[in-house]
Amino acid sequence: MIQLHSLTKKFSEKQGLFDVSFTVEPGTVFGFIGPNGAGKSTAIRHLMGLLKPDSGSATIGSFDCWNDSERVKALVGYLPGEISFPADLTGEDILTLTRRMDKTSPEREKELRALFPIDTSVKVRKMSKGMKQKLAIIRCFMKDAPVYLLDEPTSGLDPLMQERFLELVLKEKDAGKAILMSSHHFPEMEKTCDQAALIRNGRIIMQDSIEGLIANSRKLFHIEFASAEDAVAFAGSLNGHVIGNRVDVSVSTTDELNTLLQKVSQYRVSSFRSAPADLEIVFIHYYAEEGSL
């Protein structure tokens, strides 16, 4: 339903998109992960027909996103990363315009208003970030579209609203929608996404299922030693991080793990435990270690 094929849009040597390809099937959520400026929003803007690629293509359904942008927009519910409603309109004005443009269902709108309560009599310029985000979510999902493009969708939401949003995404996924979601909030990606791609400097550096990304990430171990001296000596041999008697050390291969076990056997150890694997560790491994954050 959603496809980028060898898409390139060059702004500079490290800014833009470079030979980016991925597909999002109906009934799945695809996560787009990367630091600010990595290219996530640029990819979504191509899918919305707002940017023309230098080469390659972006398609939704059977339509080219640039050449058939009007047909594409009819298929898509879009939640931009930067909310920019007209400042002097009220929330009710925004939703009234949405009803007229997209011929939305009153029942669907009522359900969304109950999930994300907001005083729609307030003008946009007086709304908090969280209020604007809830209004944008209601407006996006009022349109019962087969495709949703969601750019940092929970920005500004409190924890309760974040959970409600995740429930909504899973409900739409179960209804067969194709959903592309960019986010820095790792728990929500783990809960909702089937596949994910990590992007850095406009290039996809890893793409897999959420489970595959986590399984192939570096494993972090916390090791408590009998003395601070032992901790320092051990850490020096494996480039570990010392916190009192504890050393935190990560490994990514079987050889590295075996080396860790051989070296730790030379010391008196109080405890040895692995940290829970999650998507945030994958992100840190691929970005922070190379100074890309």
C-alpha atoms as a PDB file:
ATOM      1  CA  MET A   1       0.000   0.000   0.000  1.00  0.00           C
ATOM      2  CA  ILE A   2       2.878   2.392   0.867  1.00  0.00           C
ATOM      3  CA  GLN A   3       6.145   2.131  -1.049  1.00  0.00           C
ATOM      4  CA  LEU A   4       9.376   4.069  -1.403  1.00  0.00           C
ATOM      5  CA  HIS A   5      11.575   2.622  -4.140  1.00  0.00           C
ATOM      6  CA  SER A   6      15.206   3.784  -4.412  1.00  0.00           C
ATOM      7  CA  LEU A   7      14.057   7.297  -3.533  1.00  0.00           C
ATOM      8  CA  THR A   8      16.720  10.009  -3.535  1.00  0.00           C
ATOM      9  CA  LYS A   9      16.328  13.681  -2.636  1.00  0.00           C
ATOM     10  CA  LYS A  10      19.648  15.425  -2.061  1.00  0.00           C
ATOM     11  CA  PHE A  11      19.874  18.679  -0.097  1.00  0.00           C
ATOM     12  CA  SER A  12      23.567  18.255   0.781  1.00  0.00           C
ATOM     13  CA  GLU A  13      26.084  15.428   1.177  1.00  0.00           C
ATOM     14  CA  LYS A  14      24.453  14.297   4.437  1.00  0.00           C
ATOM     15  CA  GLN A  15      20.993  15.843   4.227  1.00  0.00           C
ATOM     16  CA  GLY A  16      18.074  14.439   2.293  1.00  0.00           C
ATOM     17  CA  LEU A  17      17.291  10.863   1.333  1.00  0.00           C
ATOM     18  CA  PHE A  18      19.649   8.497  -0.470  1.00  0.00           C
ATOM     19  CA  ASP A  19      18.378   5.349  -2.209  1.00  0.00           C
ATOM     20  CA  VAL A  20      15.680   4.727   0.413  1.00  0.00           C
ATOM     21  CA  SER A  21      13.324   1.775  -0.092  1.00  0.00           C
ATOM     22  CA  PHE A  22      10.638   0.227   2.089  1.00  0.00           C
ATOM     23  CA  THR A  23       7.097  -1.117   1.825  1.00  0.00           C
ATOM     24  CA  VAL A  24       4.186  -0.977   4.258  1.00  0.00           C
ATOM     25  CA  GLU A  25       1.497  -3.598   3.737  1.00  0.00           C
ATOM     26  CA  PRO A  26      -2.183  -3.238   4.745  1.00  0.00           C
ATOM     27  CA  GLY A  27      -2.797  -4.301   8.345  1.00  0.00           C
ATOM     28  CA  THR A  28       0.731  -3.431   9.487  1.00  0.00           C
ATOM     29  CA  VAL A  29       2.520  -0.589  11.266  1.00  0.00           C
ATOM     30  CA  PHE A  30       5.967   0.422  10.021  1.00  0.00           C
ATOM     31  CA  GLY A  31       8.213   2.372  12.381  1.00  0.00           C
ATOM     32  CA  PHE A  32      10.662   4.994  11.144  1.00  0.00           C
ATOM     33  CA  ILE A  33      13.409   5.622  13.710  1.00  0.00           C
ATOM     34  CA  GLY A  34      16.163   8.205  13.683  1.00  0.00           C
ATOM     35  CA  PRO A  35      17.443  11.417  15.256  1.00  0.00           C
ATOM     36  CA  ASN A  36      16.260  14.871  14.201  1.00  0.00           C
ATOM     37  CA  GLY A  37      17.393  15.663  10.677  1.00  0.00           C
ATOM     38  CA  ALA A  38      17.890  12.010   9.703  1.00  0.00           C
ATOM     39  CA  GLY A  39      15.279  12.165   6.918  1.00  0.00           C
ATOM     40  CA  LYS A  40      12.083  10.818   8.513  1.00  0.00           C
ATOM     41  CA  SER A  41       9.898  13.853   7.822  1.00  0.00           C
ATOM     42  CA  THR A  42      11.406  14.240   4.345  1.00  0.00           C
ATOM     43  CA  ALA A  43      10.266  10.709   3.476  1.00  0.00           C
ATOM     44  CA  ILE A  44       6.746  11.396   4.775  1.00  0.00           C
ATOM     45  CA  ARG A  45       6.554  14.667   2.805  1.00  0.00           C
ATOM     46  CA  HIS A  46       7.411  12.758  -0.367  1.00  0.00           C
ATOM     47  CA  LEU A  47       4.570  10.345   0.360  1.00  0.00           C
ATOM     48  CA  MET A  48       2.222  13.310   0.795  1.00  0.00           C
ATOM     49  CA  GLY A  49       3.273  14.695  -2.597  1.00  0.00           C
ATOM     50  CA  LEU A  50       4.848  17.780  -1.015  1.00  0.00           C
ATOM     51  CA  LEU A  51       8.328  17.094  -2.413  1.00  0.00           C
ATOM     52  CA  LYS A  52       9.473  15.812  -5.805  1.00  0.00           C
ATOM     53  CA  PRO A  53      12.232  13.178  -5.680  1.00  0.00           C
ATOM     54  CA  ASP A  54      15.444  13.595  -7.648  1.00  0.00           C
ATOM     55  CA  SER A  55      15.176   9.910  -8.569  1.00  0.00           C
ATOM     56  CA  GLY A  56      13.251   6.845  -7.502  1.00  0.00           C
ATOM     57  CA  SER A  57       9.592   6.903  -6.550  1.00  0.00           C
ATOM     58  CA  ALA A  58       7.049   7.168  -3.754  1.00  0.00           C
ATOM     59  CA  THR A  59       3.695   5.480  -4.273  1.00  0.00           C
ATOM     60  CA  ILE A  60       0.534   4.880  -2.277  1.00  0.00           C
ATOM     61  CA  GLY A  61      -1.785   2.268  -3.715  1.00  0.00           C
ATOM     62  CA  SER A  62      -1.171   2.408  -7.462  1.00  0.00           C
ATOM     63  CA  PHE A  63      -0.640   6.175  -7.484  1.00  0.00           C
ATOM     64  CA  ASP A  64       2.603   8.103  -7.787  1.00  0.00           C
ATOM     65  CA  CYS A  65       2.743  10.505  -4.859  1.00  0.00           C
ATOM     66  CA  TRP A  66       4.056  13.426  -6.926  1.00  0.00           C
ATOM     67  CA  ASN A  67       2.201  12.974 -10.224  1.00  0.00           C
ATOM     68  CA  ASP A  68      -1.080  11.820  -8.661  1.00  0.00           C
ATOM     69  CA  SER A  69      -0.903  13.823  -5.440  1.00  0.00           C
ATOM     70  CA  GLU A  70      -4.621  14.654  -5.283  1.00  0.00           C
ATOM     71  CA  ARG A  71      -5.607  10.991  -5.559  1.00  0.00           C
ATOM     72  CA  VAL A  72      -2.973  10.078  -2.972  1.00  0.00           C
ATOM     73  CA  LYS A  73      -4.206  12.699  -0.503  1.00  0.00           C
ATOM     74  CA  ALA A  74      -7.714  11.236  -0.794  1.00  0.00           C
ATOM     75  CA  LEU A  75      -6.358   7.913   0.520  1.00  0.00           C
ATOM     76  CA  VAL A  76      -4.305   9.296   3.400  1.00  0.00           C
ATOM     77  CA  GLY A  77      -4.862  10.496   6.939  1.00  0.00           C
ATOM     78  CA  TYR A  78      -1.867  12.730   7.705  1.00  0.00           C
ATOM     79  CA  LEU A  79      -0.545  13.856  11.079  1.00  0.00           C
ATOM     80  CA  PRO A  80       2.390  16.242  10.491  1.00  0.00           C
ATOM     81  CA  GLY A  81       5.300  16.608  12.871  1.00  0.00           C
ATOM     82  CA  GLU A  82       4.696  20.348  13.194  1.00  0.00           C
ATOM     83  CA  ILE A  83       1.098  21.343  13.889  1.00  0.00           C
ATOM     84  CA  SER A  84       0.286  24.646  12.168  1.00  0.00           C
ATOM     85  CA  PHE A  85      -3.462  25.277  12.242  1.00  0.00           C
ATOM     86  CA  PRO A  86      -4.612  28.875  11.539  1.00  0.00           C
ATOM     87  CA  ALA A  87      -4.135  30.696  14.838  1.00  0.00           C
ATOM     88  CA  ASP A  88      -7.463  32.557  14.866  1.00  0.00           C
ATOM     89  CA  LEU A  89      -9.651  29.513  14.192  1.00  0.00           C
ATOM     90  CA  THR A  90     -11.178  27.550  17.045  1.00  0.00           C
ATOM     91  CA  GLY A  91     -10.867  23.811  17.411  1.00  0.00           C
ATOM     92  CA  GLU A  92     -14.484  23.518  16.328  1.00  0.00           C
ATOM     93  CA  ASP A  93     -13.710  25.506  13.174  1.00  0.00           C
ATOM     94  CA  ILE A  94     -10.931  23.046  12.329  1.00  0.00           C
ATOM     95  CA  LEU A  95     -13.174  20.015  12.817  1.00  0.00           C
ATOM     96  CA  THR A  96     -16.027  21.614  10.849  1.00  0.00           C
ATOM     97  CA  LEU A  97     -13.687  22.128   7.895  1.00  0.00           C
ATOM     98  CA  THR A  98     -12.553  18.520   8.202  1.00  0.00           C
ATOM     99  CA  ARG A  99     -16.160  17.277   8.091  1.00  0.00           C
ATOM    100  CA  ARG A 100     -16.807  19.260   4.924  1.00  0.00           C
ATOM    101  CA  MET A 101     -13.605  18.248   3.135  1.00  0.00           C
ATOM    102  CA  ASP A 102     -13.506  14.563   4.030  1.00  0.00           C
ATOM    103  CA  LYS A 103     -17.233  13.746   4.544  1.00  0.00           C
ATOM    104  CA  THR A 104     -16.467  12.119   7.886  1.00  0.00           C
ATOM    105  CA  SER A 105     -18.639   9.885  10.049  1.00  0.00           C
ATOM    106  CA  PRO A 106     -20.352  11.579  13.046  1.00  0.00           C
ATOM    107  CA  GLU A 107     -19.999   8.351  15.059  1.00  0.00           C
ATOM    108  CA  ARG A 108     -16.273   8.144  14.384  1.00  0.00           C
ATOM    109  CA  GLU A 109     -15.800  11.787  15.354  1.00  0.00           C
ATOM    110  CA  LYS A 110     -17.758  11.252  18.580  1.00  0.00           C
ATOM    111  CA  GLU A 111     -15.546   8.294  19.530  1.00  0.00           C
ATOM    112  CA  LEU A 112     -12.369  10.286  18.876  1.00  0.00           C
ATOM    113  CA  ARG A 113     -13.602  13.264  20.913  1.00  0.00           C
ATOM    114  CA  ALA A 114     -14.296  10.912  23.819  1.00  0.00           C
ATOM    115  CA  LEU A 115     -10.805   9.401  23.570  1.00  0.00           C
ATOM    116  CA  PHE A 116      -9.027  12.763  23.314  1.00  0.00           C
ATOM    117  CA  PRO A 117     -11.208  15.310  25.156  1.00  0.00           C
ATOM    118  CA  ILE A 118     -10.554  18.943  24.272  1.00  0.00           C
ATOM    119  CA  ASP A 119     -12.359  22.265  24.592  1.00  0.00           C
ATOM    120  CA  THR A 120     -12.971  22.993  20.910  1.00  0.00           C
ATOM    121  CA  SER A 121     -14.266  26.504  21.643  1.00  0.00           C
ATOM    122  CA  VAL A 122     -10.681  27.665  22.309  1.00  0.00           C
ATOM    123  CA  LYS A 123      -8.779  29.394  19.511  1.00  0.00           C
ATOM    124  CA  VAL A 124      -5.669  27.637  18.254  1.00  0.00           C
ATOM    125  CA  ARG A 125      -3.386  30.484  19.375  1.00  0.00           C
ATOM    126  CA  LYS A 126      -4.474  29.919  22.977  1.00  0.00           C
ATOM    127  CA  MET A 127      -4.018  26.154  22.926  1.00  0.00           C
ATOM    128  CA  SER A 128      -1.198  24.306  24.662  1.00  0.00           C
ATOM    129  CA  LYS A 129       1.026  21.896  22.738  1.00  0.00           C
ATOM    130  CA  GLY A 130      -0.951  18.956  24.131  1.00  0.00           C
ATOM    131  CA  MET A 131      -4.306  20.482  23.100  1.00  0.00           C
ATOM    132  CA  LYS A 132      -3.066  21.105  19.547  1.00  0.00           C
ATOM    133  CA  GLN A 133      -1.768  17.540  19.338  1.00  0.00           C
ATOM    134  CA  LYS A 134      -5.099  16.066  20.453  1.00  0.00           C
ATOM    135  CA  LEU A 135      -6.930  18.264  17.949  1.00  0.00           C
ATOM    136  CA  ALA A 136      -4.556  17.101  15.198  1.00  0.00           C
ATOM    137  CA  ILE A 137      -5.105  13.444  16.123  1.00  0.00           C
ATOM    138  CA  ILE A 138      -8.890  13.825  16.060  1.00  0.00           C
ATOM    139  CA  ARG A 139      -8.708  15.617  12.716  1.00  0.00           C
ATOM    140  CA  CYS A 140      -6.374  12.977  11.223  1.00  0.00           C
ATOM    141  CA  PHE A 141      -8.412   9.939  12.268  1.00  0.00           C
ATOM    142  CA  MET A 142     -11.832  11.465  11.552  1.00  0.00           C
ATOM    143  CA  LYS A 143     -10.943  10.556   7.994  1.00  0.00           C
ATOM    144  CA  ASP A 144     -11.507   6.799   7.787  1.00  0.00           C
ATOM    145  CA  ALA A 145      -8.582   6.360   5.418  1.00  0.00           C
ATOM    146  CA  PRO A 146      -6.810   3.161   4.279  1.00  0.00           C
ATOM    147  CA  VAL A 147      -3.415   4.777   4.949  1.00  0.00           C
ATOM    148  CA  TYR A 148      -2.101   6.855   7.857  1.00  0.00           C
ATOM    149  CA  LEU A 149       1.168   8.797   7.883  1.00  0.00           C
ATOM    150  CA  LEU A 150       2.038   9.793  11.450  1.00  0.00           C
ATOM    151  CA  ASP A 151       5.040  12.036  12.147  1.00  0.00           C
ATOM    152  CA  GLU A 152       5.962  12.094  15.868  1.00  0.00           C
ATOM    153  CA  PRO A 153       2.274  11.550  16.739  1.00  0.00           C
ATOM    154  CA  THR A 154       2.479  11.548  20.560  1.00  0.00           C
ATOM    155  CA  SER A 155       4.585  14.698  20.917  1.00  0.00           C
ATOM    156  CA  GLY A 156       3.137  16.792  23.743  1.00  0.00           C
ATOM    157  CA  LEU A 157       0.699  14.144  24.985  1.00  0.00           C
ATOM    158  CA  ASP A 158       0.555  13.068  28.623  1.00  0.00           C
ATOM    159  CA  PRO A 159       1.007   9.333  29.449  1.00  0.00           C
ATOM    160  CA  LEU A 160      -2.745   8.609  29.516  1.00  0.00           C
ATOM    161  CA  MET A 161      -3.282  10.171  26.089  1.00  0.00           C
ATOM    162  CA  GLN A 162      -0.228   8.320  24.756  1.00  0.00           C
ATOM    163  CA  GLU A 163      -1.744   4.989  25.826  1.00  0.00           C
ATOM    164  CA  ARG A 164      -5.078   5.888  24.250  1.00  0.00           C
ATOM    165  CA  PHE A 165      -3.295   6.799  21.046  1.00  0.00           C
ATOM    166  CA  LEU A 166      -1.512   3.431  20.948  1.00  0.00           C
ATOM    167  CA  GLU A 167      -4.838   1.655  21.425  1.00  0.00           C
ATOM    168  CA  LEU A 168      -6.240   3.645  18.516  1.00  0.00           C
ATOM    169  CA  VAL A 169      -3.300   2.740  16.265  1.00  0.00           C
ATOM    170  CA  LEU A 170      -3.658  -0.964  17.088  1.00  0.00           C
ATOM    171  CA  LYS A 171      -7.407  -0.785  16.391  1.00  0.00           C
ATOM    172  CA  GLU A 172      -6.772   0.810  12.987  1.00  0.00           C
ATOM    173  CA  LYS A 173      -4.088  -1.778  12.269  1.00  0.00           C
ATOM    174  CA  ASP A 174      -6.567  -4.573  13.050  1.00  0.00           C
ATOM    175  CA  ALA A 175      -8.989  -2.896  10.635  1.00  0.00           C
ATOM    176  CA  GLY A 176      -6.451  -3.437   7.841  1.00  0.00           C
ATOM    177  CA  LYS A 177      -4.955   0.042   7.612  1.00  0.00           C
ATOM    178  CA  ALA A 178      -1.364   0.605   6.431  1.00  0.00           C
ATOM    179  CA  ILE A 179       0.365   2.870   8.965  1.00  0.00           C
ATOM    180  CA  LEU A 180       3.758   4.587   8.778  1.00  0.00           C
ATOM    181  CA  MET A 181       4.830   6.129  12.087  1.00  0.00           C
ATOM    182  CA  SER A 182       7.974   8.038  12.962  1.00  0.00           C
ATOM    183  CA  SER A 183       8.756   8.409  16.644  1.00  0.00           C
ATOM    184  CA  HIS A 184      11.445   8.828  19.300  1.00  0.00           C
ATOM    185  CA  HIS A 185       9.235   7.190  21.914  1.00  0.00           C
ATOM    186  CA  PHE A 186      10.587   3.645  21.909  1.00  0.00           C
ATOM    187  CA  PRO A 187       7.958   1.860  24.043  1.00  0.00           C
ATOM    188  CA  GLU A 188       5.206   2.953  21.642  1.00  0.00           C
ATOM    189  CA  MET A 189       7.191   1.641  18.670  1.00  0.00           C
ATOM    190  CA  GLU A 190       7.694  -1.718  20.381  1.00  0.00           C
ATOM    191  CA  LYS A 191       3.992  -1.985  21.224  1.00  0.00           C
ATOM    192  CA  THR A 192       2.632  -1.100  17.790  1.00  0.00           C
ATOM    193  CA  CYS A 193       5.151  -1.705  14.984  1.00  0.00           C
ATOM    194  CA  ASP A 194       5.580  -4.897  12.977  1.00  0.00           C
ATOM    195  CA  GLN A 195       8.612  -3.667  11.035  1.00  0.00           C
ATOM    196  CA  ALA A 196      11.000  -0.766  11.568  1.00  0.00           C
ATOM    197  CA  ALA A 197      13.828   0.982   9.760  1.00  0.00           C
ATOM    198  CA  LEU A 198      16.679   2.940  11.324  1.00  0.00           C
ATOM    199  CA  ILE A 199      17.714   5.939   9.254  1.00  0.00           C
ATOM    200  CA  ARG A 200      20.860   8.057   9.633  1.00  0.00           C
ATOM    201  CA  ASN A 201      22.005  10.913   7.399  1.00  0.00           C
ATOM    202  CA  GLY A 202      19.286  10.072   4.900  1.00  0.00           C
ATOM    203  CA  ARG A 203      20.224   6.395   4.528  1.00  0.00           C
ATOM    204  CA  ILE A 204      18.522   3.333   5.973  1.00  0.00           C
ATOM    205  CA  ILE A 205      21.163   1.514   7.990  1.00  0.00           C
ATOM    206  CA  MET A 206      19.030  -1.340   9.308  1.00  0.00           C
ATOM    207  CA  GLN A 207      15.552  -2.699   8.599  1.00  0.00           C
ATOM    208  CA  ASP A 208      13.893  -5.684  10.243  1.00  0.00           C
ATOM    209  CA  SER A 209      11.000  -6.770  12.416  1.00  0.00           C
ATOM    210  CA  ILE A 210      10.954  -5.177  15.863  1.00  0.00           C
ATOM    211  CA  GLU A 211      11.910  -8.553  17.329  1.00  0.00           C
ATOM    212  CA  GLY A 212      14.762  -8.900  14.844  1.00  0.00           C
ATOM    213  CA  LEU A 213      16.137  -5.445  15.592  1.00  0.00           C
ATOM    214  CA  ILE A 214      16.174  -6.146  19.316  1.00  0.00           C
ATOM    215  CA  ALA A 215      17.633  -9.649  18.918  1.00  0.00           C
ATOM    216  CA  ASN A 216      20.510  -8.310  16.828  1.00  0.00           C
ATOM    217  CA  SER A 217      21.317  -5.374  19.095  1.00  0.00           C
ATOM    218  CA  ARG A 218      24.196  -5.197  21.558  1.00  0.00           C
ATOM    219  CA  LYS A 219      23.492  -6.957  24.852  1.00  0.00           C
ATOM    220  CA  LEU A 220      24.172  -5.002  28.019  1.00  0.00           C
ATOM    221  CA  PHE A 221      25.374  -6.745  31.211  1.00  0.00           C
ATOM    222  CA  HIS A 222      25.585  -5.404  34.773  1.00  0.00           C
ATOM    223  CA  ILE A 223      28.326  -7.134  36.808  1.00  0.00           C
ATOM    224  CA  GLU A 224      28.840  -6.537  40.551  1.00  0.00           C
ATOM    225  CA  PHE A 225      32.365  -7.294  41.840  1.00  0.00           C
ATOM    226  CA  ALA A 226      33.584  -8.004  45.373  1.00  0.00           C
ATOM    227  CA  SER A 227      35.719  -4.850  45.342  1.00  0.00           C
ATOM    228  CA  ALA A 228      36.026  -1.560  43.478  1.00  0.00           C
ATOM    229  CA  GLU A 229      39.599  -2.509  42.573  1.00  0.00           C
ATOM    230  CA  ASP A 230      38.395  -5.644  40.787  1.00  0.00           C
ATOM    231  CA  ALA A 231      35.732  -3.608  38.986  1.00  0.00           C
ATOM    232  CA  VAL A 232      38.319  -1.121  37.697  1.00  0.00           C
ATOM    233  CA  ALA A 233      40.697  -3.897  36.605  1.00  0.00           C
ATOM    234  CA  PHE A 234      37.964  -5.799  34.787  1.00  0.00           C
ATOM    235  CA  ALA A 235      36.541  -2.694  33.109  1.00  0.00           C
ATOM    236  CA  GLY A 236      39.960  -1.764  31.759  1.00  0.00           C
ATOM    237  CA  SER A 237      40.238  -5.070  29.932  1.00  0.00           C
ATOM    238  CA  LEU A 238      36.857  -4.757  28.193  1.00  0.00           C
ATOM    239  CA  ASN A 239      36.240  -1.006  27.991  1.00  0.00           C
ATOM    240  CA  GLY A 240      33.429  -1.266  30.526  1.00  0.00           C
ATOM    241  CA  HIS A 241      31.800   1.568  32.469  1.00  0.00           C
ATOM    242  CA  VAL A 242      32.531   1.539  36.210  1.00  0.00           C
ATOM    243  CA  ILE A 243      29.966   2.613  38.836  1.00  0.00           C
ATOM    244  CA  GLY A 244      31.411   1.777  42.267  1.00  0.00           C
ATOM    245  CA  ASN A 245      31.722  -2.010  42.424  1.00  0.00           C
ATOM    246  CA  ARG A 246      29.603  -2.432  39.290  1.00  0.00           C
ATOM    247  CA  VAL A 247      30.708  -2.594  35.677  1.00  0.00           C
ATOM    248  CA  ASP A 248      28.352  -2.143  32.727  1.00  0.00           C
ATOM    249  CA  VAL A 249      29.635  -3.792  29.570  1.00  0.00           C
ATOM    250  CA  SER A 250      28.000  -4.538  26.207  1.00  0.00           C
ATOM    251  CA  VAL A 251      28.654  -7.228  23.610  1.00  0.00           C
ATOM    252  CA  SER A 252      27.300  -7.847  20.109  1.00  0.00           C
ATOM    253  CA  THR A 253      28.844 -11.156  18.996  1.00  0.00           C
ATOM    254  CA  THR A 254      29.282 -14.671  20.371  1.00  0.00           C
ATOM    255  CA  ASP A 255      33.067 -14.177  20.434  1.00  0.00           C
ATOM    256  CA  GLU A 256      32.689 -11.012  22.514  1.00  0.00           C
ATOM    257  CA  LEU A 257      30.366 -12.838  24.909  1.00  0.00           C
ATOM    258  CA  ASN A 258      32.801 -15.720  25.341  1.00  0.00           C
ATOM    259  CA  THR A 259      35.651 -13.261  25.988  1.00  0.00           C
ATOM    260  CA  LEU A 260      33.498 -11.541  28.616  1.00  0.00           C
ATOM    261  CA  LEU A 261      32.760 -14.836  30.380  1.00  0.00           C
ATOM    262  CA  GLN A 262      36.430 -15.905  30.329  1.00  0.00           C
ATOM    263  CA  LYS A 263      37.611 -12.614  31.834  1.00  0.00           C
ATOM    264  CA  VAL A 264      34.868 -12.345  34.460  1.00  0.00           C
ATOM    265  CA  SER A 265      35.723 -15.859  35.715  1.00  0.00           C
ATOM    266  CA  GLN A 266      39.045 -14.472  36.972  1.00  0.00           C
ATOM    267  CA  TYR A 267      37.313 -12.314  39.607  1.00  0.00           C
ATOM    268  CA  ARG A 268      35.016 -12.691  42.606  1.00  0.00           C
ATOM    269  CA  VAL A 269      31.573 -11.667  41.352  1.00  0.00           C
ATOM    270  CA  SER A 270      28.578 -10.778  43.540  1.00  0.00           C
ATOM    271  CA  SER A 271      26.001 -10.678  40.733  1.00  0.00           C
ATOM    272  CA  PHE A 272      25.839 -10.990  36.958  1.00  0.00           C
ATOM    273  CA  ARG A 273      22.700  -9.943  35.110  1.00  0.00           C
ATOM    274  CA  SER A 274      21.677  -8.838  31.661  1.00  0.00           C
ATOM    275  CA  ALA A 275      19.678  -5.672  31.054  1.00  0.00           C
ATOM    276  CA  PRO A 276      16.284  -6.077  29.338  1.00  0.00           C
ATOM    277  CA  ALA A 277      16.641  -5.781  25.579  1.00  0.00           C
ATOM    278  CA  ASP A 278      14.613  -2.980  24.057  1.00  0.00           C
ATOM    279  CA  LEU A 279      14.490  -0.719  21.044  1.00  0.00           C
ATOM    280  CA  GLU A 280      16.197   2.133  22.864  1.00  0.00           C
ATOM    281  CA  ILE A 281      19.373   0.046  23.238  1.00  0.00           C
ATOM    282  CA  VAL A 282      19.311  -0.573  19.474  1.00  0.00           C
ATOM    283  CA  PHE A 283      18.959   3.160  18.862  1.00  0.00           C
ATOM    284  CA  ILE A 284      21.801   4.068  21.229  1.00  0.00           C
ATOM    285  CA  HIS A 285      24.061   1.425  19.680  1.00  0.00           C
ATOM    286  CA  TYR A 286      23.592   2.663  16.123  1.00  0.00           C
ATOM    287  CA  TYR A 287      23.590   6.394  16.826  1.00  0.00           C
ATOM    288  CA  ALA A 288      25.179   7.483  20.099  1.00  0.00           C
ATOM    289  CA  GLU A 289      28.292   5.339  19.699  1.00  0.00           C
ATOM    290  CA  GLU A 290      29.058   7.055  16.393  1.00  0.00           C
ATOM    291  CA  GLY A 291      28.282  10.566  17.646  1.00  0.00           C
ATOM    292  CA  SER A 292      25.221  10.917  15.459  1.00  0.00           C
ATOM    293  CA  LEU A 293      22.789  12.150  18.107  1.00  0.00           C
END
